[in-house]
N, C-alpha and C. Protein backbone atom coordinates (compact mmCIF):
# COMPACT_ATOMS: atom_id res chain seq x y z
N UNK A 1 108.41 267.01 246.03
CA UNK A 1 109.63 267.61 245.43
C UNK A 1 110.84 266.71 245.62
N UNK A 2 111.50 266.38 244.56
CA UNK A 2 112.74 265.53 244.57
C UNK A 2 113.87 266.38 245.21
N UNK A 3 114.62 265.70 246.03
CA UNK A 3 115.84 266.33 246.54
C UNK A 3 116.90 266.30 245.37
N UNK A 4 117.73 267.28 245.28
CA UNK A 4 118.67 267.44 244.18
C UNK A 4 120.07 267.42 244.67
N UNK A 5 120.82 266.51 243.93
CA UNK A 5 122.24 266.27 244.24
C UNK A 5 123.11 266.86 243.09
N UNK A 6 124.25 267.43 243.52
CA UNK A 6 125.30 267.86 242.61
C UNK A 6 126.55 267.14 242.99
N UNK A 7 127.12 266.45 241.90
CA UNK A 7 128.45 265.75 242.13
C UNK A 7 129.56 266.53 241.54
N UNK A 8 130.67 266.64 242.27
CA UNK A 8 131.95 267.16 241.87
C UNK A 8 132.93 266.06 241.69
N UNK A 9 133.58 265.95 240.55
CA UNK A 9 134.60 264.90 240.31
C UNK A 9 135.67 265.48 239.39
N UNK A 10 136.92 264.93 239.60
CA UNK A 10 138.03 265.36 238.82
C UNK A 10 138.49 264.32 237.72
N UNK A 11 138.05 263.08 237.91
CA UNK A 11 138.58 262.05 237.06
C UNK A 11 137.50 261.16 236.50
N UNK A 12 137.78 259.84 236.62
CA UNK A 12 137.00 258.76 235.91
C UNK A 12 135.51 258.80 236.44
N UNK A 13 135.36 258.92 237.73
CA UNK A 13 133.94 259.04 238.23
C UNK A 13 133.26 257.73 238.48
N UNK A 14 133.99 256.66 238.95
CA UNK A 14 133.25 255.40 239.27
C UNK A 14 132.26 255.54 240.35
N UNK A 15 132.64 256.32 241.38
CA UNK A 15 131.64 256.62 242.45
C UNK A 15 130.47 257.36 241.99
N UNK A 16 130.77 258.43 241.21
CA UNK A 16 129.77 259.19 240.60
C UNK A 16 128.70 258.27 239.79
N UNK A 17 129.26 257.36 239.12
CA UNK A 17 128.49 256.50 238.30
C UNK A 17 127.55 255.64 239.21
N UNK A 18 128.07 255.14 240.29
CA UNK A 18 127.21 254.41 241.21
C UNK A 18 126.14 255.27 241.81
N UNK A 19 126.42 256.53 242.10
CA UNK A 19 125.43 257.36 242.66
C UNK A 19 124.30 257.69 241.59
N UNK A 20 124.77 257.91 240.38
CA UNK A 20 123.83 258.17 239.29
C UNK A 20 122.90 256.98 239.03
N UNK A 21 123.52 255.82 239.09
CA UNK A 21 122.65 254.55 238.94
C UNK A 21 121.71 254.40 240.05
N UNK A 22 122.11 254.70 241.30
CA UNK A 22 121.31 254.47 242.43
C UNK A 22 120.08 255.34 242.44
N UNK A 23 120.24 256.65 241.87
CA UNK A 23 119.08 257.59 242.03
C UNK A 23 118.34 257.67 240.59
N UNK A 24 118.79 256.93 239.60
CA UNK A 24 118.20 257.01 238.28
C UNK A 24 116.64 256.89 238.24
N UNK A 25 116.17 255.89 239.08
CA UNK A 25 114.71 255.65 239.08
C UNK A 25 114.09 256.02 240.46
N UNK A 26 114.85 256.72 241.21
CA UNK A 26 114.34 257.14 242.60
C UNK A 26 113.18 258.17 242.49
N UNK A 27 112.26 258.08 243.41
CA UNK A 27 111.12 258.95 243.41
C UNK A 27 111.39 260.21 244.15
N UNK A 28 112.34 260.15 245.10
CA UNK A 28 112.60 261.24 246.03
C UNK A 28 113.84 262.09 245.86
N UNK A 29 114.75 261.67 244.96
CA UNK A 29 116.00 262.37 244.71
C UNK A 29 116.52 262.09 243.33
N UNK A 30 117.37 263.01 242.88
CA UNK A 30 117.99 262.89 241.56
C UNK A 30 119.35 263.55 241.60
N UNK A 31 120.18 263.09 240.69
CA UNK A 31 121.45 263.87 240.45
C UNK A 31 121.15 264.91 239.40
N UNK A 32 121.26 266.17 239.70
CA UNK A 32 120.74 267.21 238.85
C UNK A 32 122.01 267.83 238.06
N UNK A 33 123.22 267.63 238.57
CA UNK A 33 124.28 268.23 237.85
C UNK A 33 125.68 267.59 238.29
N UNK A 34 126.55 267.43 237.39
CA UNK A 34 127.84 266.93 237.56
C UNK A 34 128.85 268.01 237.10
N UNK A 35 129.79 268.35 238.09
CA UNK A 35 130.67 269.47 237.84
C UNK A 35 132.05 268.88 237.89
N UNK A 36 133.00 269.47 237.09
CA UNK A 36 134.37 269.01 237.09
C UNK A 36 135.34 270.21 236.76
N UNK A 37 136.56 270.09 237.43
CA UNK A 37 137.62 270.98 237.05
C UNK A 37 138.51 270.47 235.94
N UNK A 38 138.08 269.37 235.39
CA UNK A 38 138.98 268.73 234.31
C UNK A 38 138.15 268.43 233.11
N UNK A 39 138.33 269.21 232.08
CA UNK A 39 137.52 269.07 230.83
C UNK A 39 137.65 267.67 230.16
N UNK A 40 138.69 266.93 230.51
CA UNK A 40 138.92 265.67 229.92
C UNK A 40 138.47 264.52 230.87
N UNK A 41 137.84 264.88 231.96
CA UNK A 41 137.45 263.84 232.95
C UNK A 41 136.39 262.96 232.36
N UNK A 42 136.61 261.62 232.46
CA UNK A 42 135.59 260.63 232.00
C UNK A 42 134.23 260.72 232.72
N UNK A 43 134.23 261.33 233.87
CA UNK A 43 132.96 261.46 234.57
C UNK A 43 131.90 262.32 233.76
N UNK A 44 132.43 263.21 232.93
CA UNK A 44 131.61 264.00 232.05
C UNK A 44 130.78 263.13 231.04
N UNK A 45 131.51 262.18 230.49
CA UNK A 45 130.89 261.22 229.64
C UNK A 45 129.88 260.31 230.34
N UNK A 46 130.17 259.95 231.56
CA UNK A 46 129.32 259.08 232.35
C UNK A 46 127.94 259.96 232.58
N UNK A 47 128.07 261.27 232.99
CA UNK A 47 126.94 262.03 233.14
C UNK A 47 126.18 262.24 231.88
N UNK A 48 126.80 262.36 230.83
CA UNK A 48 126.14 262.44 229.51
C UNK A 48 125.28 261.19 229.19
N UNK A 49 125.84 260.03 229.55
CA UNK A 49 125.24 258.73 229.33
C UNK A 49 123.88 258.70 230.17
N UNK A 50 123.84 259.44 231.23
CA UNK A 50 122.60 259.54 232.08
C UNK A 50 121.77 260.71 231.79
N UNK A 51 122.22 261.53 230.73
CA UNK A 51 121.51 262.70 230.38
C UNK A 51 121.44 263.68 231.53
N UNK A 52 122.57 263.76 232.32
CA UNK A 52 122.64 264.74 233.40
C UNK A 52 123.53 265.89 232.93
N UNK A 53 123.06 267.16 233.12
CA UNK A 53 123.83 268.26 232.69
C UNK A 53 125.25 268.31 233.41
N UNK A 54 126.25 268.99 232.72
CA UNK A 54 127.55 269.12 233.38
C UNK A 54 127.99 270.55 233.25
N UNK A 55 128.91 270.89 234.19
CA UNK A 55 129.49 272.22 234.16
C UNK A 55 131.01 271.97 234.42
N UNK A 56 131.84 272.62 233.59
CA UNK A 56 133.31 272.53 233.76
C UNK A 56 133.78 273.87 234.16
N UNK A 57 134.59 273.94 235.16
CA UNK A 57 135.12 275.23 235.69
C UNK A 57 136.64 275.23 235.78
N UNK A 58 137.21 276.39 235.78
CA UNK A 58 138.67 276.43 236.04
C UNK A 58 138.94 277.02 237.42
N UNK A 59 140.22 277.13 237.75
CA UNK A 59 140.63 277.50 239.06
C UNK A 59 140.10 278.94 239.41
N UNK A 60 140.20 279.81 238.40
CA UNK A 60 139.76 281.17 238.59
C UNK A 60 138.29 281.26 238.93
N UNK A 61 137.46 280.57 238.12
CA UNK A 61 136.01 280.56 238.38
C UNK A 61 135.68 280.00 239.70
N UNK A 62 136.35 278.92 240.11
CA UNK A 62 136.00 278.19 241.39
C UNK A 62 136.41 279.10 242.62
N UNK A 63 137.58 279.72 242.53
CA UNK A 63 138.08 280.38 243.75
C UNK A 63 137.95 281.90 243.74
N UNK A 64 137.73 282.50 242.59
CA UNK A 64 137.66 283.90 242.51
C UNK A 64 136.24 284.52 242.25
N UNK A 65 135.33 283.60 241.96
CA UNK A 65 133.98 284.08 241.62
C UNK A 65 132.90 283.29 242.47
N UNK A 66 131.69 283.70 242.37
CA UNK A 66 130.55 283.08 242.99
C UNK A 66 129.76 282.24 241.89
N UNK A 67 130.32 282.11 240.67
CA UNK A 67 129.58 281.37 239.60
C UNK A 67 129.08 279.91 240.07
N UNK A 68 130.05 279.21 240.65
CA UNK A 68 129.69 277.80 240.93
C UNK A 68 128.57 277.74 241.93
N UNK A 69 128.70 278.55 242.96
CA UNK A 69 127.64 278.63 244.05
C UNK A 69 126.30 279.09 243.39
N UNK A 70 126.41 280.06 242.56
CA UNK A 70 125.17 280.59 241.88
C UNK A 70 124.48 279.48 241.06
N UNK A 71 125.27 278.70 240.39
CA UNK A 71 124.68 277.61 239.52
C UNK A 71 123.94 276.68 240.46
N UNK A 72 124.58 276.25 241.54
CA UNK A 72 124.01 275.34 242.47
C UNK A 72 122.73 275.84 243.14
N UNK A 73 122.77 277.14 243.44
CA UNK A 73 121.62 277.75 244.09
C UNK A 73 120.42 277.82 243.04
N UNK A 74 120.73 278.17 241.77
CA UNK A 74 119.70 278.28 240.76
C UNK A 74 119.05 276.89 240.53
N UNK A 75 119.83 275.90 240.71
CA UNK A 75 119.28 274.48 240.50
C UNK A 75 118.68 273.97 241.82
N UNK A 76 118.57 274.70 242.88
CA UNK A 76 118.07 274.23 244.18
C UNK A 76 118.72 272.90 244.63
N UNK A 77 120.01 272.90 244.59
CA UNK A 77 120.73 271.75 244.98
C UNK A 77 120.63 271.62 246.54
N UNK A 78 120.41 270.41 246.92
CA UNK A 78 120.28 270.07 248.42
C UNK A 78 121.53 269.55 249.02
N UNK A 79 122.34 268.77 248.29
CA UNK A 79 123.49 268.12 248.74
C UNK A 79 124.53 268.09 247.70
N UNK A 80 125.79 268.48 248.15
CA UNK A 80 126.99 268.51 247.21
C UNK A 80 127.77 267.24 247.58
N UNK A 81 128.04 266.42 246.60
CA UNK A 81 128.80 265.21 246.81
C UNK A 81 130.11 265.26 246.08
N UNK A 82 131.17 265.15 246.79
CA UNK A 82 132.57 265.10 246.12
C UNK A 82 132.84 263.63 245.88
N UNK A 83 133.19 263.29 244.61
CA UNK A 83 133.46 261.94 244.27
C UNK A 83 134.81 261.95 243.42
N UNK A 84 135.92 261.88 244.22
CA UNK A 84 137.17 261.94 243.53
C UNK A 84 137.46 263.32 242.97
N UNK A 85 137.13 264.32 243.83
CA UNK A 85 137.33 265.72 243.52
C UNK A 85 138.56 266.18 244.29
N UNK A 86 139.57 266.74 243.52
CA UNK A 86 140.90 266.87 244.17
C UNK A 86 141.27 268.35 244.65
N UNK A 87 140.29 269.26 244.41
CA UNK A 87 140.55 270.62 244.93
C UNK A 87 139.90 270.90 246.23
N UNK A 88 140.57 271.80 247.03
CA UNK A 88 139.94 272.15 248.34
C UNK A 88 138.74 273.01 248.02
N UNK A 89 137.68 272.79 248.84
CA UNK A 89 136.43 273.45 248.61
C UNK A 89 136.62 274.89 249.19
N UNK A 90 136.20 275.95 248.37
CA UNK A 90 136.38 277.33 248.85
C UNK A 90 135.35 277.75 249.90
N UNK A 91 135.60 278.78 250.52
CA UNK A 91 134.73 279.30 251.65
C UNK A 91 133.38 279.70 251.24
N UNK A 92 133.28 280.27 250.06
CA UNK A 92 131.89 280.70 249.58
C UNK A 92 131.00 279.44 249.43
N UNK A 93 131.55 278.28 248.99
CA UNK A 93 130.76 277.09 248.79
C UNK A 93 130.47 276.48 250.15
N UNK A 94 131.44 276.47 251.09
CA UNK A 94 131.26 275.86 252.42
C UNK A 94 130.10 276.67 253.13
N UNK A 95 130.14 278.03 252.99
CA UNK A 95 129.19 278.90 253.66
C UNK A 95 127.75 278.69 253.08
N UNK A 96 127.69 278.45 251.72
CA UNK A 96 126.40 278.29 251.08
C UNK A 96 125.79 276.87 251.44
N UNK A 97 126.56 275.91 251.73
CA UNK A 97 126.06 274.59 251.95
C UNK A 97 126.70 274.00 253.30
N UNK A 98 126.36 274.66 254.41
CA UNK A 98 126.94 274.15 255.70
C UNK A 98 126.43 272.69 255.96
N UNK A 99 127.35 271.82 256.23
CA UNK A 99 127.02 270.45 256.56
C UNK A 99 126.20 269.78 255.37
N UNK A 100 126.33 270.24 254.16
CA UNK A 100 125.64 269.66 253.11
C UNK A 100 126.62 269.40 251.97
N UNK A 101 127.92 269.30 252.32
CA UNK A 101 128.95 268.85 251.32
C UNK A 101 129.65 267.70 251.97
N UNK A 102 129.58 266.51 251.27
CA UNK A 102 130.30 265.32 251.74
C UNK A 102 131.36 264.89 250.73
N UNK A 103 132.29 264.06 251.29
CA UNK A 103 133.39 263.52 250.56
C UNK A 103 133.61 262.08 250.92
N UNK A 104 134.24 261.38 250.05
CA UNK A 104 134.67 260.05 250.23
C UNK A 104 136.23 259.97 250.19
N UNK A 105 136.86 259.26 251.19
CA UNK A 105 138.31 259.18 251.16
C UNK A 105 138.71 257.75 251.22
N UNK A 106 139.69 257.33 250.43
CA UNK A 106 139.97 255.89 250.38
C UNK A 106 140.93 255.39 251.51
N UNK A 107 140.65 255.80 252.75
CA UNK A 107 141.43 255.35 253.93
C UNK A 107 140.58 255.60 255.12
N UNK A 108 141.03 255.02 256.22
CA UNK A 108 140.41 255.22 257.52
C UNK A 108 140.90 256.47 258.20
N UNK A 109 140.33 257.59 257.91
CA UNK A 109 140.79 258.92 258.48
C UNK A 109 140.71 258.78 259.97
N UNK A 110 141.61 259.43 260.81
CA UNK A 110 142.58 260.46 260.26
C UNK A 110 143.82 259.85 259.70
N UNK A 111 143.97 258.52 259.54
CA UNK A 111 145.15 258.01 258.92
C UNK A 111 145.11 258.22 257.43
N UNK A 112 146.25 258.55 256.89
CA UNK A 112 146.44 258.57 255.45
C UNK A 112 145.53 259.65 254.75
N UNK A 113 145.43 260.78 255.41
CA UNK A 113 144.60 261.90 254.80
C UNK A 113 145.41 263.12 254.56
N UNK A 114 144.79 264.18 254.08
CA UNK A 114 145.44 265.47 253.93
C UNK A 114 145.82 265.76 252.49
N UNK A 115 146.41 266.89 252.28
CA UNK A 115 146.79 267.39 250.96
C UNK A 115 147.64 266.36 250.22
N UNK A 116 147.35 266.08 248.95
CA UNK A 116 148.20 265.15 248.19
C UNK A 116 147.96 263.70 248.47
N UNK A 117 147.05 263.38 249.42
CA UNK A 117 146.80 261.91 249.68
C UNK A 117 145.47 261.52 248.96
N UNK A 118 145.77 260.98 247.80
CA UNK A 118 144.57 260.51 247.08
C UNK A 118 145.02 259.29 246.17
N UNK A 119 144.08 258.53 245.72
CA UNK A 119 144.36 257.44 244.81
C UNK A 119 145.41 256.48 245.34
N UNK A 120 146.28 256.03 244.40
CA UNK A 120 147.36 255.03 244.74
C UNK A 120 148.23 255.54 245.87
N UNK A 121 148.50 256.81 245.99
CA UNK A 121 149.35 257.32 247.09
C UNK A 121 148.83 256.82 248.44
N UNK A 122 147.51 256.88 248.66
CA UNK A 122 146.92 256.43 249.89
C UNK A 122 147.18 254.96 250.17
N UNK A 123 146.99 254.08 249.10
CA UNK A 123 147.12 252.69 249.29
C UNK A 123 148.61 252.31 249.52
N UNK A 124 149.44 252.97 248.77
CA UNK A 124 150.88 252.72 248.99
C UNK A 124 151.37 253.04 250.35
N UNK A 125 150.72 254.10 250.93
CA UNK A 125 151.09 254.55 252.33
C UNK A 125 150.63 253.49 253.29
N UNK A 126 149.45 252.90 253.03
CA UNK A 126 148.89 251.83 253.96
C UNK A 126 149.81 250.64 253.86
N UNK A 127 150.22 250.16 252.68
CA UNK A 127 151.13 249.05 252.62
C UNK A 127 152.48 249.33 253.24
N UNK A 128 153.04 250.60 253.02
CA UNK A 128 154.34 250.95 253.54
C UNK A 128 154.25 250.92 255.10
N UNK A 129 153.12 251.35 255.71
CA UNK A 129 152.95 251.44 257.13
C UNK A 129 152.67 250.07 257.76
N UNK A 130 152.36 249.11 256.94
CA UNK A 130 152.08 247.77 257.48
C UNK A 130 150.76 247.77 258.21
N UNK A 131 149.82 248.55 257.86
CA UNK A 131 148.52 248.71 258.54
C UNK A 131 147.82 247.26 258.41
N UNK A 132 147.16 246.86 259.49
CA UNK A 132 146.49 245.58 259.47
C UNK A 132 145.04 245.68 258.92
N UNK A 133 144.54 246.95 258.97
CA UNK A 133 143.14 247.22 258.33
C UNK A 133 143.22 248.42 257.52
N UNK A 134 142.33 248.46 256.62
CA UNK A 134 142.25 249.58 255.62
C UNK A 134 140.74 249.80 255.46
N UNK A 135 140.35 250.86 254.71
CA UNK A 135 138.97 251.02 254.41
C UNK A 135 138.74 252.36 253.83
N UNK A 136 137.44 252.85 254.05
CA UNK A 136 137.01 254.06 253.41
C UNK A 136 136.40 255.00 254.55
N UNK A 137 136.39 256.24 254.31
CA UNK A 137 135.74 257.22 255.22
C UNK A 137 134.87 258.15 254.32
N UNK A 138 133.57 258.24 254.68
CA UNK A 138 132.76 259.30 254.19
C UNK A 138 132.57 260.34 255.29
N UNK A 139 132.85 261.55 254.87
CA UNK A 139 132.78 262.68 255.93
C UNK A 139 132.26 263.97 255.35
N UNK A 140 131.81 264.87 256.27
CA UNK A 140 131.46 266.16 255.88
C UNK A 140 132.68 266.95 255.50
N UNK A 141 132.61 267.91 254.68
CA UNK A 141 133.70 268.76 254.24
C UNK A 141 133.77 270.03 255.01
N UNK A 142 135.02 270.30 255.42
CA UNK A 142 135.26 271.63 255.99
C UNK A 142 136.44 272.36 255.19
N UNK A 143 137.01 273.35 255.85
CA UNK A 143 138.06 274.13 255.07
C UNK A 143 139.39 273.45 254.90
N UNK A 144 139.56 272.28 255.51
CA UNK A 144 140.84 271.50 255.47
C UNK A 144 140.63 270.09 254.74
N UNK A 145 141.57 269.69 254.00
CA UNK A 145 141.47 268.33 253.36
C UNK A 145 141.21 267.29 254.43
N UNK A 146 140.17 266.58 254.27
CA UNK A 146 139.93 265.29 255.01
C UNK A 146 139.78 265.47 256.47
N UNK A 147 139.38 266.58 256.97
CA UNK A 147 139.31 266.76 258.39
C UNK A 147 137.82 266.93 258.97
N UNK A 148 136.80 266.92 258.06
CA UNK A 148 135.43 267.09 258.53
C UNK A 148 134.92 265.91 259.27
N UNK A 149 133.83 266.18 259.90
CA UNK A 149 133.16 265.18 260.81
C UNK A 149 132.92 263.89 260.05
N UNK A 150 133.17 262.73 260.62
CA UNK A 150 133.04 261.39 259.95
C UNK A 150 131.60 260.96 259.99
N UNK A 151 131.08 260.55 258.90
CA UNK A 151 129.69 260.09 258.74
C UNK A 151 129.69 258.58 258.75
N UNK A 152 130.57 257.91 258.11
CA UNK A 152 130.67 256.51 257.97
C UNK A 152 132.04 256.01 257.70
N UNK A 153 132.46 254.91 258.28
CA UNK A 153 133.74 254.22 257.92
C UNK A 153 133.44 252.80 257.66
N UNK A 154 134.02 252.33 256.51
CA UNK A 154 133.91 250.86 256.24
C UNK A 154 135.30 250.28 256.31
N UNK A 155 135.45 249.04 256.82
CA UNK A 155 136.77 248.47 257.02
C UNK A 155 136.95 247.12 256.42
N UNK A 156 138.20 246.80 256.07
CA UNK A 156 138.57 245.39 255.71
C UNK A 156 139.95 245.12 256.21
N UNK A 157 140.22 243.81 256.46
CA UNK A 157 141.46 243.38 256.89
C UNK A 157 142.52 243.37 255.72
N UNK A 158 143.70 243.83 256.07
CA UNK A 158 144.77 243.80 255.03
C UNK A 158 145.53 242.37 255.25
N UNK A 159 145.40 241.59 254.23
CA UNK A 159 145.98 240.25 254.28
C UNK A 159 147.53 240.40 253.94
N UNK A 160 148.22 239.33 254.32
CA UNK A 160 149.73 239.28 254.16
C UNK A 160 150.09 239.39 252.63
N UNK A 161 149.28 238.79 251.82
CA UNK A 161 149.63 238.70 250.42
C UNK A 161 148.89 239.83 249.60
N UNK A 162 148.30 240.75 250.26
CA UNK A 162 147.54 241.90 249.58
C UNK A 162 148.60 242.69 248.87
N UNK A 163 148.22 243.22 247.66
CA UNK A 163 149.06 244.06 246.88
C UNK A 163 148.32 245.39 246.71
N UNK A 164 148.90 246.29 246.06
CA UNK A 164 148.33 247.61 245.76
C UNK A 164 146.97 247.40 245.05
N UNK A 165 146.99 246.49 244.08
CA UNK A 165 145.75 246.27 243.26
C UNK A 165 144.58 245.68 244.19
N UNK A 166 145.02 244.69 244.95
CA UNK A 166 143.98 244.08 245.72
C UNK A 166 143.30 244.97 246.80
N UNK A 167 144.22 245.78 247.48
CA UNK A 167 143.56 246.65 248.51
C UNK A 167 142.79 247.81 247.81
N UNK A 168 143.24 248.21 246.60
CA UNK A 168 142.47 249.19 245.93
C UNK A 168 141.12 248.67 245.62
N UNK A 169 141.04 247.40 245.03
CA UNK A 169 139.86 246.80 244.63
C UNK A 169 138.87 246.66 245.83
N UNK A 170 139.36 246.11 246.98
CA UNK A 170 138.56 246.01 248.18
C UNK A 170 138.00 247.37 248.61
N UNK A 171 138.87 248.36 248.56
CA UNK A 171 138.32 249.69 248.98
C UNK A 171 137.23 250.15 248.02
N UNK A 172 137.47 249.97 246.71
CA UNK A 172 136.44 250.51 245.77
C UNK A 172 135.17 249.73 245.93
N UNK A 173 135.18 248.50 246.26
CA UNK A 173 133.97 247.71 246.49
C UNK A 173 133.18 248.32 247.62
N UNK A 174 133.88 248.74 248.69
CA UNK A 174 133.22 249.32 249.85
C UNK A 174 132.61 250.76 249.41
N UNK A 175 133.44 251.50 248.68
CA UNK A 175 132.98 252.83 248.27
C UNK A 175 131.67 252.67 247.45
N UNK A 176 131.73 251.85 246.42
CA UNK A 176 130.55 251.68 245.49
C UNK A 176 129.29 251.13 246.27
N UNK A 177 129.50 250.35 247.23
CA UNK A 177 128.41 249.80 248.05
C UNK A 177 127.79 250.91 249.01
N UNK A 178 128.68 251.60 249.58
CA UNK A 178 128.19 252.47 250.77
C UNK A 178 127.90 253.96 250.38
N UNK A 179 128.62 254.52 249.39
CA UNK A 179 128.50 256.05 249.16
C UNK A 179 127.04 256.32 248.72
N UNK A 180 126.44 255.64 247.78
CA UNK A 180 125.06 255.89 247.48
C UNK A 180 124.08 255.79 248.56
N UNK A 181 124.31 254.81 249.40
CA UNK A 181 123.35 254.63 250.63
C UNK A 181 123.49 255.81 251.57
N UNK A 182 124.80 256.21 251.81
CA UNK A 182 124.97 257.31 252.77
C UNK A 182 124.31 258.60 252.18
N UNK A 183 124.50 258.87 250.88
CA UNK A 183 123.85 259.99 250.26
C UNK A 183 122.24 259.95 250.46
N UNK A 184 121.73 258.80 250.16
CA UNK A 184 120.25 258.59 250.36
C UNK A 184 119.89 258.89 251.78
N UNK A 185 120.56 258.33 252.76
CA UNK A 185 120.22 258.54 254.12
C UNK A 185 120.27 259.91 254.62
N UNK A 186 121.33 260.62 254.09
CA UNK A 186 121.55 262.02 254.47
C UNK A 186 120.34 262.88 253.93
N UNK A 187 120.03 262.53 252.68
CA UNK A 187 118.87 263.34 252.00
C UNK A 187 117.61 263.14 252.78
N UNK A 188 117.34 262.00 253.43
CA UNK A 188 116.17 261.79 254.09
C UNK A 188 116.08 262.72 255.35
N UNK A 189 117.27 263.09 255.91
CA UNK A 189 117.35 263.98 257.07
C UNK A 189 117.03 265.46 256.71
N UNK A 190 117.18 265.80 255.43
CA UNK A 190 116.89 267.20 255.00
C UNK A 190 115.47 267.42 254.65
N UNK A 191 114.92 268.43 255.21
CA UNK A 191 113.44 268.71 254.90
C UNK A 191 113.27 269.73 253.80
């Protein structure tokens, strides 16, 4: 039986793309569903390109009903992967998938995390703080933004002449390299 992954994303979905590519020909796991809170998110087109079903939900469906949890349960989802998903995960989803929801954050948590810290805001904060190193964190999800147990951190040195664009690029390289592998390794631990 293949392990089944659901990806939640709010935007372009470059990490989602890397995960879909990674598991496209895998024998033991597959991306079974891509979900988004944004009907215009490019990640939906990426999923379509891989012939992976999608589900779009609004705030009411996500926070006031069990619809999303029911869909995941019906599809026998084993692992929930957040890839640029900007909403806080509700309690019903956390309870349905304890230690089976992971997120990627574009900084070395606990630095530069929390509500509103995403995308360029994170990288600008790193430059403003004069941090000497920057990187990514893959972590389990709990009821607070960016506070779950860390699974993996990847680091790079911030050079004197680095700009917003260069540190963003270095971080994305780490994300694309490591997120699919961390997903694969976690799935191997689930029986």
